[in-house]
Amino acid sequence: MFEKTPYPDAVKTGAPELRKAIELLSNLVLEGVEHGHFDYSVTCETAKQGRRMLIVRAGKSHKFAIEEEDLIGK
């Protein structure tokens, strides 16, 4: 069963990097399911000033720097 995202406001309004990352992940999954298979990896690390470095590896690496204040549910 799917649950509601804990950060709905960040996805819809502010937090442009978080919004881009979620959009990319959504598109990758849909394309992978349509194609019939996929292999992606997602990692996250805490960097300077509480920033989160989200890395999506799907053929090539996509990096997103998400600011700590964009984590609304924190």
N, C-alpha and C. Protein backbone atom coordinates (compact mmCIF):
# COMPACT_ATOMS: atom_id res chain seq x y z
N MET A 1 0.84 -1.17 0.00
CA MET A 1 0.00 0.00 0.00
C MET A 1 0.90 1.25 0.00
N PHE A 2 0.54 2.22 -0.79
CA PHE A 2 1.32 3.45 -0.88
C PHE A 2 0.92 4.41 0.22
N GLU A 3 1.91 5.10 0.76
CA GLU A 3 1.65 6.11 1.78
C GLU A 3 1.91 7.48 1.20
N LYS A 4 1.31 8.46 1.80
CA LYS A 4 1.48 9.85 1.37
C LYS A 4 2.91 10.31 1.67
N THR A 5 3.47 11.11 0.79
CA THR A 5 4.82 11.62 1.00
C THR A 5 4.88 12.49 2.26
N PRO A 6 5.94 12.36 3.07
CA PRO A 6 6.03 13.17 4.27
C PRO A 6 6.38 14.63 4.00
N TYR A 7 6.76 14.95 2.77
CA TYR A 7 7.16 16.31 2.43
C TYR A 7 6.33 16.86 1.27
N PRO A 8 5.01 16.83 1.35
CA PRO A 8 4.21 17.25 0.19
C PRO A 8 4.43 18.70 -0.21
N ASP A 9 4.63 19.59 0.75
CA ASP A 9 4.83 21.00 0.42
C ASP A 9 6.15 21.23 -0.30
N ALA A 10 7.19 20.52 0.12
CA ALA A 10 8.50 20.67 -0.52
C ALA A 10 8.46 20.18 -1.96
N VAL A 11 7.69 19.14 -2.21
CA VAL A 11 7.60 18.60 -3.56
C VAL A 11 6.80 19.52 -4.47
N LYS A 12 5.76 20.13 -3.94
CA LYS A 12 4.86 20.96 -4.77
C LYS A 12 5.33 22.41 -4.93
N THR A 13 5.96 22.97 -3.92
CA THR A 13 6.28 24.40 -3.97
C THR A 13 7.78 24.64 -3.97
N GLY A 14 8.35 24.84 -2.79
CA GLY A 14 9.76 25.18 -2.68
C GLY A 14 10.65 24.00 -2.96
N ALA A 15 11.81 23.99 -2.38
CA ALA A 15 12.78 22.91 -2.48
C ALA A 15 13.00 22.45 -3.93
N PRO A 16 13.53 23.33 -4.77
CA PRO A 16 13.67 22.97 -6.19
C PRO A 16 14.53 21.73 -6.42
N GLU A 17 15.59 21.54 -5.66
CA GLU A 17 16.44 20.37 -5.86
C GLU A 17 15.71 19.08 -5.47
N LEU A 18 14.96 19.13 -4.38
CA LEU A 18 14.18 17.96 -3.97
C LEU A 18 13.11 17.65 -5.01
N ARG A 19 12.48 18.67 -5.52
CA ARG A 19 11.45 18.51 -6.55
C ARG A 19 12.04 17.88 -7.81
N LYS A 20 13.23 18.35 -8.23
CA LYS A 20 13.90 17.79 -9.41
C LYS A 20 14.27 16.33 -9.20
N ALA A 21 14.77 16.01 -8.01
CA ALA A 21 15.17 14.64 -7.71
C ALA A 21 13.98 13.70 -7.75
N ILE A 22 12.87 14.09 -7.14
CA ILE A 22 11.68 13.25 -7.12
C ILE A 22 11.12 13.08 -8.53
N GLU A 23 11.14 14.14 -9.31
CA GLU A 23 10.67 14.05 -10.69
C GLU A 23 11.54 13.10 -11.50
N LEU A 24 12.86 13.20 -11.34
CA LEU A 24 13.78 12.31 -12.05
C LEU A 24 13.52 10.86 -11.64
N LEU A 25 13.42 10.59 -10.34
CA LEU A 25 13.19 9.23 -9.86
C LEU A 25 11.88 8.67 -10.40
N SER A 26 10.85 9.48 -10.38
CA SER A 26 9.56 9.05 -10.89
C SER A 26 9.66 8.68 -12.37
N ASN A 27 10.29 9.53 -13.16
CA ASN A 27 10.44 9.27 -14.59
C ASN A 27 11.28 8.03 -14.86
N LEU A 28 12.36 7.85 -14.08
CA LEU A 28 13.22 6.68 -14.27
C LEU A 28 12.47 5.39 -13.99
N VAL A 29 11.70 5.37 -12.93
CA VAL A 29 10.94 4.16 -12.59
C VAL A 29 9.89 3.86 -13.67
N LEU A 30 9.17 4.88 -14.09
CA LEU A 30 8.17 4.67 -15.14
C LEU A 30 8.80 4.16 -16.43
N GLU A 31 9.91 4.75 -16.83
CA GLU A 31 10.61 4.31 -18.05
C GLU A 31 11.13 2.88 -17.89
N GLY A 32 11.67 2.58 -16.72
CA GLY A 32 12.19 1.23 -16.47
C GLY A 32 11.11 0.17 -16.50
N VAL A 33 9.97 0.46 -15.90
CA VAL A 33 8.86 -0.49 -15.91
C VAL A 33 8.34 -0.67 -17.34
N GLU A 34 8.26 0.42 -18.07
CA GLU A 34 7.81 0.35 -19.46
C GLU A 34 8.77 -0.49 -20.29
N HIS A 35 10.06 -0.33 -20.05
CA HIS A 35 11.07 -1.07 -20.80
C HIS A 35 11.09 -2.54 -20.38
N GLY A 36 10.79 -2.82 -19.14
CA GLY A 36 10.74 -4.20 -18.68
C GLY A 36 11.76 -4.54 -17.61
N HIS A 37 12.78 -3.73 -17.45
CA HIS A 37 13.75 -3.95 -16.39
C HIS A 37 14.58 -2.69 -16.18
N PHE A 38 15.15 -2.57 -15.00
CA PHE A 38 16.04 -1.46 -14.72
C PHE A 38 16.88 -1.77 -13.49
N ASP A 39 17.97 -1.04 -13.34
CA ASP A 39 18.85 -1.18 -12.18
C ASP A 39 19.38 0.21 -11.85
N TYR A 40 18.86 0.80 -10.81
CA TYR A 40 19.26 2.13 -10.37
C TYR A 40 19.76 2.04 -8.93
N SER A 41 20.54 3.01 -8.52
CA SER A 41 20.89 3.11 -7.11
C SER A 41 20.72 4.56 -6.67
N VAL A 42 20.34 4.72 -5.41
CA VAL A 42 20.14 6.05 -4.82
C VAL A 42 20.89 6.07 -3.50
N THR A 43 21.75 7.06 -3.33
CA THR A 43 22.46 7.23 -2.07
C THR A 43 22.33 8.67 -1.60
N CYS A 44 22.51 8.86 -0.31
CA CYS A 44 22.44 10.20 0.26
C CYS A 44 23.47 10.33 1.37
N GLU A 45 24.14 11.46 1.40
CA GLU A 45 25.15 11.75 2.42
C GLU A 45 24.89 13.14 2.99
N THR A 46 25.25 13.34 4.24
CA THR A 46 25.16 14.67 4.84
C THR A 46 26.48 15.38 4.56
N ALA A 47 26.38 16.56 3.98
CA ALA A 47 27.55 17.36 3.64
C ALA A 47 27.64 18.57 4.58
N LYS A 48 28.40 19.56 4.18
CA LYS A 48 28.58 20.77 4.99
C LYS A 48 27.27 21.51 5.22
N GLN A 49 27.15 22.14 6.36
CA GLN A 49 25.98 22.94 6.77
C GLN A 49 24.67 22.15 6.71
N GLY A 50 24.75 20.84 6.93
CA GLY A 50 23.55 20.03 6.96
C GLY A 50 22.94 19.72 5.61
N ARG A 51 23.58 20.17 4.56
CA ARG A 51 23.08 19.91 3.19
C ARG A 51 23.12 18.41 2.93
N ARG A 52 22.15 17.90 2.20
CA ARG A 52 22.10 16.49 1.82
C ARG A 52 22.51 16.36 0.37
N MET A 53 23.45 15.50 0.09
CA MET A 53 23.87 15.22 -1.28
C MET A 53 23.21 13.91 -1.70
N LEU A 54 22.21 14.03 -2.56
CA LEU A 54 21.47 12.89 -3.07
C LEU A 54 22.04 12.53 -4.43
N ILE A 55 22.43 11.28 -4.60
CA ILE A 55 23.04 10.83 -5.85
C ILE A 55 22.21 9.69 -6.42
N VAL A 56 21.75 9.87 -7.65
CA VAL A 56 20.98 8.85 -8.35
C VAL A 56 21.85 8.33 -9.48
N ARG A 57 22.15 7.03 -9.45
CA ARG A 57 22.96 6.43 -10.52
C ARG A 57 22.03 5.59 -11.39
N ALA A 58 21.89 6.04 -12.62
CA ALA A 58 21.02 5.36 -13.58
C ALA A 58 21.65 5.53 -14.96
N GLY A 59 22.67 4.75 -15.23
CA GLY A 59 23.42 4.94 -16.46
C GLY A 59 24.47 6.02 -16.28
N LYS A 60 24.05 7.17 -15.80
CA LYS A 60 24.99 8.24 -15.42
C LYS A 60 24.55 8.73 -14.04
N SER A 61 25.40 9.48 -13.39
CA SER A 61 25.08 9.98 -12.05
C SER A 61 24.40 11.34 -12.11
N HIS A 62 23.37 11.49 -11.31
CA HIS A 62 22.66 12.76 -11.16
C HIS A 62 22.83 13.15 -9.70
N LYS A 63 23.34 14.36 -9.45
CA LYS A 63 23.58 14.81 -8.08
C LYS A 63 22.67 15.98 -7.74
N PHE A 64 22.12 15.92 -6.53
CA PHE A 64 21.23 16.97 -6.05
C PHE A 64 21.69 17.41 -4.67
N ALA A 65 21.88 18.71 -4.46
CA ALA A 65 22.23 19.27 -3.16
C ALA A 65 20.95 19.82 -2.54
N ILE A 66 20.47 19.15 -1.50
CA ILE A 66 19.21 19.54 -0.86
C ILE A 66 19.54 20.22 0.45
N GLU A 67 19.06 21.45 0.59
CA GLU A 67 19.33 22.25 1.79
C GLU A 67 18.56 21.69 2.99
N GLU A 68 19.15 21.81 4.16
CA GLU A 68 18.53 21.29 5.38
C GLU A 68 17.17 21.93 5.65
N GLU A 69 17.03 23.23 5.36
CA GLU A 69 15.77 23.90 5.61
C GLU A 69 14.65 23.44 4.66
N ASP A 70 15.03 22.74 3.58
CA ASP A 70 14.03 22.20 2.67
C ASP A 70 13.41 20.90 3.16
N LEU A 71 13.97 20.36 4.22
CA LEU A 71 13.43 19.13 4.81
C LEU A 71 12.35 19.49 5.81
N ILE A 72 11.17 19.77 5.31
CA ILE A 72 10.07 20.31 6.09
C ILE A 72 9.63 19.40 7.22
N GLY A 73 9.63 18.11 6.98
CA GLY A 73 9.15 17.16 7.98
C GLY A 73 10.13 16.91 9.11
N LYS A 74 11.30 17.56 9.08
CA LYS A 74 12.34 17.33 10.08
C LYS A 74 11.97 17.87 11.43
